Amino acid sequence: MKKTTPKEAGQDIAQEQVPGGAASGFNRLRSKLAFDRLVEMGAQMGLDNPLFLCHERAAKATTCIGGKEYLNFSTYDYLDINAHPEITEAVAKAAALYGTSAGASRLVGGERPPHRELERALADLYEVEDCIVYVSGHATNVSTLGFLCGHRDAIFHDALAHNSLVQGARLSGAARFSYAHNDCEALESLLKARRGEYKHAVIVTEGLFSMDGNIPDLPRIIALKKQYDCMLLVDEAHSLGVLGETGRGVREYFQIDPYDVDMWMSTLSKSMCGCGGFIAGRHDLVEFLKYGSPGFVFSVGMPPIVAVACRKALELMLREPERVHKLQAISQFFVRYATEIGLDTGHAQGYAVVPIMVGDPVVAGSLALALIKRNVYVMPITFPAVKAGTDRLRFFLSASHTEAHVRRALDAVREELPKAWEFVETYKREHADDHHA
């Protein structure tokens, strides 16, 4: 499934005739950024920008912003491992030996022992032959799908698949088919209608969806993959360390044969509290990626100190499964308590990621700011990260959160949500003439 030359990313935009030159063109592109527009709209309403606030220490159950302590529900530190003294000690020793950079692409600059040790540990975790580690999680998906697939191939992905998966599918030049979220009947209908038109096909899903916190029917997807002769990529960015009795992810959750999935993908920035991503699977696939995937071949290697940190985090996860149990328990409590007090958690199943559905982007932003004033830090998620009208606050749970933390945060949401709606509706009524001018 080697990639043929695809249309270059951004080519359509680059060929547009832009009046006023490059600066004007930049402003036109900037105007398309929904996040940017939302911030500008908030400023017009007298709201502060809740994005890019500077945190002054490690992101744990609490954080420090401007010298004040906040409850923190915007951290990927699912297992309460970030800044663990064993990791800090291991990283300090590695930095003294290897420095802070890999120095070059691993293909041309060589490797360091931490690279191979991390890849071996991850392959062993998934009980597969081999693993390749990239310096970026987003680039792992973009570069893997973009390289493996070409114009004679097809990619079938969940409608809520992460941006990196969608961008990789676009880059590949393959036909791209999006099926309704977690709807295996819709996937089967697409496969039945279109699979036969293409040489190769890949099905793409997530182990735990990053915006909704729900799990796919992976056994059913595997059955369809076999029936229609497809490869399967499962993105475990938010399920590694979260699902299963020992945190081994969706494979452990469903007790799946590891080779029923061709590409086990995950980031290393969540439960592994580092940075980067990986693909674990058969040796021949991994070798193919190591010699050709642009995000690996043409990018600097992962800093050895990051590889050391991730390897130690994995060791801690397996050594202390109680971290996984604590995360699962507090996540289930969050969903129960939110439901009890009348808040909408959407399709969340109670595993680390839980949205509180709001339904309006400005209300979501206003609510987040109101919570910040009450020393609760949680961020709004709006279009294009989620479908318009499904705007929400997205809570990340950690093994370090307590039931008291959850109650305090959700009680604040319950109190501030109607106020946020009232504020936005009042503003719209008072400025209705401005919008019609």
Protein backbone atom coordinates (compact mmCIF):
# COMPACT_ATOMS: atom_id res chain seq x y z
CA MET A 1 0.00 0.00 0.00
CA LYS A 2 2.84 2.35 -0.76
CA LYS A 3 1.69 5.91 -1.26
CA THR A 4 1.61 7.50 -4.68
CA THR A 5 2.18 11.23 -5.05
CA PRO A 6 -0.85 13.00 -3.56
CA LYS A 7 -2.06 16.53 -4.07
CA GLU A 8 0.12 18.75 -1.93
CA ALA A 9 -1.48 19.94 1.27
CA GLY A 10 -2.82 23.46 0.89
CA GLN A 11 -2.44 23.49 -2.91
CA ASP A 12 -5.97 24.71 -3.52
CA ILE A 13 -5.48 27.64 -1.17
CA ALA A 14 -2.07 28.50 -2.58
CA GLN A 15 -3.52 28.78 -6.09
CA GLU A 16 -6.26 31.21 -5.10
CA GLN A 17 -5.91 34.75 -6.39
CA VAL A 18 -5.69 36.81 -3.21
CA PRO A 19 -6.38 40.54 -3.62
CA GLY A 20 -4.06 42.73 -1.64
CA GLY A 21 -1.11 40.36 -1.51
CA ALA A 22 0.18 37.91 1.08
CA ALA A 23 -0.89 39.87 4.17
CA SER A 24 -4.46 40.03 2.94
CA GLY A 25 -4.33 36.32 2.16
CA PHE A 26 -3.18 35.58 5.69
CA ASN A 27 -6.07 37.58 7.11
CA ARG A 28 -8.52 35.64 4.95
CA LEU A 29 -7.18 32.34 6.22
CA ARG A 30 -7.14 33.62 9.80
CA SER A 31 -10.81 34.58 9.51
CA LYS A 32 -11.65 30.90 9.03
CA LEU A 33 -10.36 29.92 12.48
CA ALA A 34 -13.41 29.18 14.61
CA PHE A 35 -11.41 29.38 17.86
CA ASP A 36 -10.12 32.80 16.88
CA ARG A 37 -13.61 34.03 16.00
CA LEU A 38 -14.93 32.77 19.31
CA VAL A 39 -12.25 34.68 21.24
CA GLU A 40 -13.03 37.86 19.27
CA MET A 41 -16.76 37.42 19.92
CA GLY A 42 -16.06 36.94 23.62
CA ALA A 43 -13.95 40.09 23.70
CA GLN A 44 -16.85 42.04 22.19
CA MET A 45 -19.00 40.74 25.03
CA GLY A 46 -16.44 41.76 27.64
CA LEU A 47 -15.17 38.22 28.27
CA ASP A 48 -11.54 37.35 28.85
CA ASN A 49 -9.70 34.78 26.73
CA PRO A 50 -9.62 31.47 28.67
CA LEU A 51 -7.05 29.95 26.31
CA PHE A 52 -3.26 29.85 26.69
CA LEU A 53 -3.19 30.66 30.40
CA CYS A 54 0.28 30.10 31.86
CA HIS A 55 0.54 27.27 34.40
CA GLU A 56 3.40 27.63 36.84
CA ARG A 57 3.94 24.01 37.90
CA ALA A 58 3.25 20.45 36.78
CA ALA A 59 -0.35 19.82 35.75
CA LYS A 60 -1.85 17.57 38.41
CA ALA A 61 -5.27 17.47 40.14
CA THR A 62 -4.50 21.08 41.00
CA THR A 63 -2.52 23.68 39.11
CA CYS A 64 -1.12 27.15 39.75
CA ILE A 65 -1.99 30.14 37.52
CA GLY A 66 -0.90 33.63 38.46
CA GLY A 67 0.10 32.45 41.91
CA LYS A 68 -3.37 31.01 42.64
CA GLU A 69 -4.29 27.35 43.00
CA TYR A 70 -7.03 25.86 40.85
CA LEU A 71 -8.73 22.51 40.61
CA ASN A 72 -7.46 21.19 37.29
CA PHE A 73 -9.58 19.15 34.89
CA SER A 74 -7.50 19.85 31.79
CA THR A 75 -4.56 17.54 32.28
CA TYR A 76 -3.67 14.33 30.45
CA ASP A 77 -2.00 13.00 33.61
CA TYR A 78 -4.54 10.21 33.84
CA LEU A 79 -2.49 7.97 36.14
CA ASP A 80 -0.98 10.69 38.37
CA ILE A 81 2.50 9.79 37.12
CA ASN A 82 3.74 13.11 35.71
CA ALA A 83 6.61 14.51 37.86
CA HIS A 84 6.97 11.19 39.68
CA PRO A 85 10.36 11.22 41.48
CA GLU A 86 11.48 8.02 39.73
CA ILE A 87 10.86 9.64 36.35
CA THR A 88 12.63 12.83 37.35
CA GLU A 89 15.65 10.88 38.56
CA ALA A 90 15.79 8.72 35.42
CA VAL A 91 15.49 11.75 33.15
CA ALA A 92 18.25 13.62 35.00
CA LYS A 93 20.63 10.68 34.58
CA ALA A 94 19.72 10.33 30.89
CA ALA A 95 20.22 14.05 30.25
CA ALA A 96 23.72 13.89 31.72
CA LEU A 97 24.58 11.03 29.36
CA TYR A 98 22.67 11.82 26.16
CA GLY A 99 21.89 15.53 26.38
CA THR A 100 18.47 16.86 25.52
CA SER A 101 18.29 16.09 21.79
CA ALA A 102 18.50 13.03 19.56
CA GLY A 103 20.68 15.21 17.35
CA ALA A 104 19.19 14.16 14.01
CA SER A 105 16.76 11.81 12.33
CA ARG A 106 17.32 8.32 13.72
CA LEU A 107 17.71 7.07 10.16
CA VAL A 108 20.84 9.15 9.55
CA GLY A 109 21.99 10.15 13.03
CA GLY A 110 21.63 6.77 14.68
CA GLU A 111 19.71 5.75 17.75
CA ARG A 112 20.26 5.72 21.48
CA PRO A 113 19.49 2.79 23.80
CA PRO A 114 16.37 4.52 25.26
CA HIS A 115 14.74 4.52 21.80
CA ARG A 116 15.05 0.79 21.38
CA GLU A 117 14.17 0.06 25.00
CA LEU A 118 10.94 2.06 24.73
CA GLU A 119 9.93 0.44 21.45
CA ARG A 120 10.63 -3.03 22.82
CA ALA A 121 8.61 -2.29 25.96
CA LEU A 122 5.64 -1.05 23.92
CA ALA A 123 5.77 -4.03 21.56
CA ASP A 124 5.81 -6.32 24.60
CA LEU A 125 2.88 -4.41 26.11
CA TYR A 126 0.78 -5.16 23.04
CA GLU A 127 2.27 -8.63 22.61
CA VAL A 128 3.26 -7.90 19.01
CA GLU A 129 6.55 -8.14 17.15
CA ASP A 130 7.74 -4.58 16.89
CA CYS A 131 7.08 -0.88 17.41
CA ILE A 132 8.12 2.47 15.91
CA VAL A 133 8.16 5.66 17.99
CA TYR A 134 7.62 9.06 16.38
CA VAL A 135 8.52 12.43 17.89
CA SER A 136 4.89 13.66 17.59
CA GLY A 137 1.61 11.91 18.29
CA HIS A 138 -0.29 13.93 15.68
CA ALA A 139 2.43 13.26 13.12
CA THR A 140 2.27 9.54 13.89
CA ASN A 141 -1.23 9.31 12.41
CA VAL A 142 -0.68 11.83 9.63
CA SER A 143 2.56 10.26 8.47
CA THR A 144 1.53 6.62 8.87
CA LEU A 145 -1.75 6.87 6.96
CA GLY A 146 -0.32 9.39 4.51
CA PHE A 147 2.54 7.04 3.66
CA LEU A 148 0.79 3.67 3.67
CA CYS A 149 -2.19 4.55 1.49
CA GLY A 150 -2.50 5.85 -2.05
CA HIS A 151 -5.05 6.76 -4.71
CA ARG A 152 -6.04 3.13 -5.35
CA ASP A 153 -6.88 2.60 -1.65
CA ALA A 154 -9.73 3.53 0.69
CA ILE A 155 -9.84 4.66 4.30
CA PHE A 156 -13.02 4.15 6.34
CA HIS A 157 -12.98 6.20 9.54
CA ASP A 158 -15.36 6.98 12.36
CA ALA A 159 -17.04 10.37 11.95
CA LEU A 160 -15.52 11.49 15.26
CA ALA A 161 -12.00 10.26 14.50
CA HIS A 162 -9.28 12.62 15.71
CA ASN A 163 -8.05 15.40 13.45
CA SER A 164 -4.71 13.64 12.99
CA LEU A 165 -6.43 10.57 11.54
CA VAL A 166 -8.53 12.65 9.16
CA GLN A 167 -5.54 14.70 8.04
CA GLY A 168 -3.53 11.53 7.42
CA ALA A 169 -6.36 10.14 5.32
CA ARG A 170 -6.53 13.35 3.30
CA LEU A 171 -2.79 13.46 2.77
CA SER A 172 -2.71 9.89 1.48
CA GLY A 173 -4.78 10.62 -1.62
CA ALA A 174 -6.92 7.57 -0.80
CA ALA A 175 -10.68 7.65 -1.06
CA ARG A 176 -12.02 8.66 2.34
CA PHE A 177 -15.31 7.44 3.78
CA SER A 178 -16.67 8.65 7.12
CA TYR A 179 -19.21 6.43 8.88
CA ALA A 180 -21.63 7.52 11.60
CA HIS A 181 -20.01 7.55 15.02
CA ASN A 182 -19.77 4.11 16.61
CA ASP A 183 -22.29 2.77 14.09
CA CYS A 184 -21.06 -0.60 12.86
CA GLU A 185 -24.14 -1.02 10.67
CA ALA A 186 -23.20 2.16 8.84
CA LEU A 187 -19.62 0.94 8.50
CA GLU A 188 -20.78 -2.38 7.09
CA SER A 189 -23.03 -0.64 4.57
CA LEU A 190 -20.10 1.45 3.36
CA LEU A 191 -17.81 -1.55 3.13
CA LYS A 192 -20.41 -3.56 1.27
CA ALA A 193 -20.99 -0.75 -1.22
CA ARG A 194 -17.45 0.54 -1.76
CA ARG A 195 -14.73 -1.86 -0.57
CA GLY A 196 -14.61 -3.76 -3.85
CA GLU A 197 -13.63 -0.64 -5.78
CA TYR A 198 -10.21 -0.32 -4.12
CA LYS A 199 -7.00 -2.32 -3.94
CA HIS A 200 -6.40 -1.91 -0.21
CA ALA A 201 -8.54 -0.56 2.62
CA VAL A 202 -7.96 0.59 6.19
CA ILE A 203 -10.57 0.97 8.91
CA VAL A 204 -9.71 3.63 11.49
CA THR A 205 -11.21 4.07 14.94
CA GLU A 206 -10.23 5.13 18.45
CA GLY A 207 -9.97 3.02 21.59
CA LEU A 208 -11.64 5.77 23.66
CA PHE A 209 -12.99 8.78 21.81
CA SER A 210 -11.25 11.95 22.87
CA MET A 211 -14.28 14.25 22.84
CA ASP A 212 -17.09 11.97 24.00
CA GLY A 213 -15.33 9.44 26.23
CA ASN A 214 -17.02 6.39 24.72
CA ILE A 215 -15.68 3.07 23.43
CA PRO A 216 -16.20 1.49 19.98
CA ASP A 217 -17.55 -2.01 19.42
CA LEU A 218 -14.09 -3.25 18.55
CA PRO A 219 -14.97 -6.96 18.30
CA ARG A 220 -17.61 -6.10 15.69
CA ILE A 221 -15.19 -3.86 13.80
CA ILE A 222 -12.62 -6.66 13.77
CA ALA A 223 -15.21 -9.03 12.33
CA LEU A 224 -15.96 -6.52 9.55
CA LYS A 225 -12.24 -5.99 8.95
CA LYS A 226 -11.80 -9.72 8.36
CA GLN A 227 -14.95 -10.09 6.28
CA TYR A 228 -14.03 -7.25 3.92
CA ASP A 229 -10.25 -7.80 3.87
CA CYS A 230 -9.18 -4.53 5.48
CA MET A 231 -6.37 -3.41 7.72
CA LEU A 232 -7.32 -1.87 11.05
CA LEU A 233 -5.75 1.04 12.94
CA VAL A 234 -6.86 1.69 16.52
CA ASP A 235 -5.84 5.02 18.05
CA GLU A 236 -5.33 4.43 21.78
CA ALA A 237 -4.31 7.98 22.68
CA HIS A 238 -6.93 8.12 25.45
CA SER A 239 -7.43 4.41 26.16
CA LEU A 240 -3.86 3.35 26.96
CA GLY A 241 -3.53 3.48 30.73
CA VAL A 242 -7.28 4.03 31.07
CA LEU A 243 -9.05 0.85 29.92
CA GLY A 244 -8.52 -2.69 31.12
CA GLU A 245 -7.63 -4.17 34.48
CA THR A 246 -3.98 -3.11 34.18
CA GLY A 247 -4.26 -0.18 31.77
CA ARG A 248 -3.30 -2.12 28.65
CA GLY A 249 -6.12 -0.41 26.81
CA VAL A 250 -9.01 -1.48 24.64
CA ARG A 251 -7.31 -4.79 23.79
CA GLU A 252 -7.42 -5.78 27.45
CA TYR A 253 -10.91 -4.32 27.88
CA PHE A 254 -12.29 -6.65 25.18
CA GLN A 255 -9.69 -9.45 25.56
CA ILE A 256 -8.71 -9.15 21.89
CA ASP A 257 -6.03 -11.11 20.04
CA PRO A 258 -3.33 -8.44 19.48
CA TYR A 259 -2.85 -9.45 15.85
CA ASP A 260 -6.52 -8.82 15.05
CA VAL A 261 -5.47 -5.16 14.92
CA ASP A 262 -2.80 -4.33 12.35
CA MET A 263 -1.70 -1.02 13.85
CA TRP A 264 -1.94 -0.23 17.55
CA MET A 265 -1.36 3.49 17.75
CA SER A 266 -1.12 5.75 20.79
CA THR A 267 0.36 9.00 21.87
CA LEU A 268 2.92 9.13 24.65
CA SER A 269 1.68 12.44 26.06
CA LYS A 270 -1.25 11.10 28.09
CA SER A 271 -0.78 8.20 30.49
CA MET A 272 2.90 7.95 29.53
CA CYS A 273 3.37 11.65 30.47
CA GLY A 274 5.92 12.36 27.76
CA CYS A 275 5.56 13.37 24.13
CA GLY A 276 5.35 11.60 20.78
CA GLY A 277 3.46 8.60 19.43
CA PHE A 278 3.94 5.04 18.24
CA ILE A 279 2.68 2.29 15.96
CA ALA A 280 2.95 -1.27 17.30
CA GLY A 281 2.38 -4.31 15.10
CA ARG A 282 4.16 -6.79 12.85
CA HIS A 283 7.87 -6.39 12.22
CA ASP A 284 7.59 -6.02 8.43
CA LEU A 285 5.09 -3.15 8.77
CA VAL A 286 7.27 -1.37 11.34
CA GLU A 287 10.36 -1.76 9.14
CA PHE A 288 8.44 -0.34 6.18
CA LEU A 289 7.51 2.73 8.24
CA LYS A 290 11.06 3.18 9.59
CA TYR A 291 12.50 3.35 6.09
CA GLY A 292 9.80 5.42 4.46
CA SER A 293 7.34 7.24 6.72
CA PRO A 294 8.12 10.97 6.29
CA GLY A 295 7.30 11.87 9.90
CA PHE A 296 10.00 9.43 11.00
CA VAL A 297 12.59 9.60 8.21
CA PHE A 298 12.61 13.39 7.83
CA SER A 299 12.05 14.39 11.45
CA VAL A 300 14.49 14.51 14.33
CA GLY A 301 14.27 11.51 16.62
CA MET A 302 12.53 11.61 19.95
CA PRO A 303 14.85 13.13 22.59
CA PRO A 304 16.34 10.23 24.58
CA ILE A 305 15.24 11.84 27.84
CA VAL A 306 11.60 11.71 26.67
CA ALA A 307 11.99 8.04 25.74
CA VAL A 308 13.38 7.39 29.23
CA ALA A 309 10.45 9.23 30.83
CA CYS A 310 7.87 7.26 28.84
CA ARG A 311 9.59 3.95 29.54
CA LYS A 312 9.60 4.66 33.28
CA ALA A 313 5.94 5.76 33.20
CA LEU A 314 5.00 2.49 31.51
CA GLU A 315 6.93 0.59 34.18
CA LEU A 316 5.05 2.47 36.92
CA MET A 317 1.68 1.76 35.31
CA LEU A 318 2.31 -1.97 35.17
CA ARG A 319 3.86 -2.09 38.62
CA GLU A 320 1.04 -0.13 40.28
CA PRO A 321 -2.29 -1.13 38.68
CA GLU A 322 -4.08 0.57 41.55
CA ARG A 323 -3.50 3.83 39.65
CA VAL A 324 -5.70 2.52 36.84
CA HIS A 325 -8.34 1.39 39.33
CA LYS A 326 -8.40 4.80 41.03
CA LEU A 327 -8.80 6.55 37.68
CA GLN A 328 -11.67 4.29 36.68
CA ALA A 329 -13.40 4.70 40.05
CA ILE A 330 -13.26 8.51 40.06
CA SER A 331 -14.36 8.65 36.42
CA GLN A 332 -17.42 6.51 37.18
CA PHE A 333 -18.19 8.67 40.20
CA PHE A 334 -17.98 11.80 38.04
CA VAL A 335 -20.59 10.49 35.60
CA ARG A 336 -22.88 9.31 38.41
CA TYR A 337 -22.72 12.59 40.32
CA ALA A 338 -23.14 14.73 37.20
CA THR A 339 -26.23 12.75 36.24
CA GLU A 340 -27.55 12.96 39.80
CA ILE A 341 -27.47 16.79 39.75
CA GLY A 342 -28.96 17.08 36.27
CA LEU A 343 -25.93 17.65 34.06
CA ASP A 344 -25.63 16.05 30.61
CA THR A 345 -22.51 13.90 30.11
CA GLY A 346 -23.42 12.94 26.54
CA HIS A 347 -22.24 9.47 25.55
CA ALA A 348 -19.46 9.23 28.15
CA GLN A 349 -18.97 5.78 29.65
CA GLY A 350 -16.95 6.95 32.65
CA TYR A 351 -13.35 6.50 31.57
CA ALA A 352 -11.08 9.54 32.04
CA VAL A 353 -12.79 11.78 29.44
CA VAL A 354 -16.22 13.19 30.31
CA PRO A 355 -17.98 16.09 28.56
CA ILE A 356 -20.58 18.31 30.12
CA MET A 357 -22.76 19.19 27.16
CA VAL A 358 -23.67 22.86 26.73
CA GLY A 359 -24.77 23.30 23.10
CA ASP A 360 -23.58 26.83 22.41
CA PRO A 361 -19.95 27.95 21.89
CA VAL A 362 -20.24 31.32 23.61
CA VAL A 363 -22.10 29.82 26.55
CA ALA A 364 -19.36 27.19 26.86
CA GLY A 365 -16.68 29.89 26.86
CA SER A 366 -18.59 32.04 29.34
CA LEU A 367 -19.11 29.04 31.61
CA ALA A 368 -15.41 28.17 31.55
CA LEU A 369 -14.53 31.74 32.56
CA ALA A 370 -17.06 31.68 35.38
CA LEU A 371 -15.49 28.47 36.67
CA ILE A 372 -12.01 29.95 36.47
CA LYS A 373 -13.23 32.76 38.74
CA ARG A 374 -14.20 30.00 41.15
CA ASN A 375 -10.74 28.42 40.86
CA VAL A 376 -11.88 25.50 38.70
CA TYR A 377 -9.90 25.12 35.48
CA VAL A 378 -11.65 23.28 32.65
CA MET A 379 -11.69 24.25 28.99
CA PRO A 380 -14.55 24.69 26.50
CA ILE A 381 -14.58 22.58 23.33
CA THR A 382 -16.37 24.04 20.32
CA PHE A 383 -16.48 23.73 16.54
CA PRO A 384 -14.33 22.69 14.64
CA ALA A 385 -13.09 20.31 17.36
CA VAL A 386 -16.68 19.06 17.73
CA LYS A 387 -19.79 19.33 15.58
CA ALA A 388 -21.61 22.67 15.78
CA GLY A 389 -24.31 22.53 18.43
CA THR A 390 -22.46 19.95 20.54
CA ASP A 391 -20.28 22.51 22.34
CA ARG A 392 -19.20 21.39 25.78
CA LEU A 393 -16.79 21.55 28.65
CA ARG A 394 -14.43 18.58 28.47
CA PHE A 395 -13.26 17.19 31.80
CA PHE A 396 -10.15 15.03 32.03
CA LEU A 397 -10.09 12.90 35.16
CA SER A 398 -6.93 11.79 36.93
CA ALA A 399 -6.12 9.17 39.54
CA SER A 400 -5.18 12.15 41.72
CA HIS A 401 -8.71 13.60 41.72
CA THR A 402 -10.93 12.98 44.73
CA GLU A 403 -14.68 12.81 45.13
CA ALA A 404 -14.50 16.17 46.91
CA HIS A 405 -12.77 17.67 43.87
CA VAL A 406 -15.50 16.33 41.59
CA ARG A 407 -18.36 17.53 43.77
CA ARG A 408 -16.88 21.00 44.06
CA ALA A 409 -16.38 21.32 40.32
CA LEU A 410 -19.75 19.91 39.26
CA ASP A 411 -21.66 21.90 41.86
CA ALA A 412 -20.03 25.01 40.42
CA VAL A 413 -21.06 23.97 36.89
CA ARG A 414 -24.64 23.44 38.01
CA GLU A 415 -24.75 26.91 39.57
CA GLU A 416 -22.96 28.78 36.76
CA LEU A 417 -24.50 27.13 33.70
CA PRO A 418 -27.91 28.91 33.85
CA LYS A 419 -26.11 32.20 34.54
CA ALA A 420 -23.96 31.72 31.43
CA TRP A 421 -27.03 31.04 29.30
CA GLU A 422 -28.79 34.10 30.73
CA PHE A 423 -25.75 36.30 30.06
CA VAL A 424 -25.45 35.19 26.44
CA GLU A 425 -29.19 35.40 25.70
CA THR A 426 -29.36 38.89 27.23
CA TYR A 427 -26.42 40.02 25.11
CA LYS A 428 -28.04 38.64 21.95
CA ARG A 429 -31.32 40.44 22.68
CA GLU A 430 -29.63 43.73 23.46
CA HIS A 431 -27.43 43.57 20.36
CA ALA A 432 -29.93 42.08 17.91
CA ASP A 433 -29.93 45.28 15.86
CA ASP A 434 -26.11 45.11 15.52
CA HIS A 435 -26.36 41.72 13.78
CA HIS A 436 -29.03 42.95 11.34
CA ALA A 437 -27.26 46.20 10.48
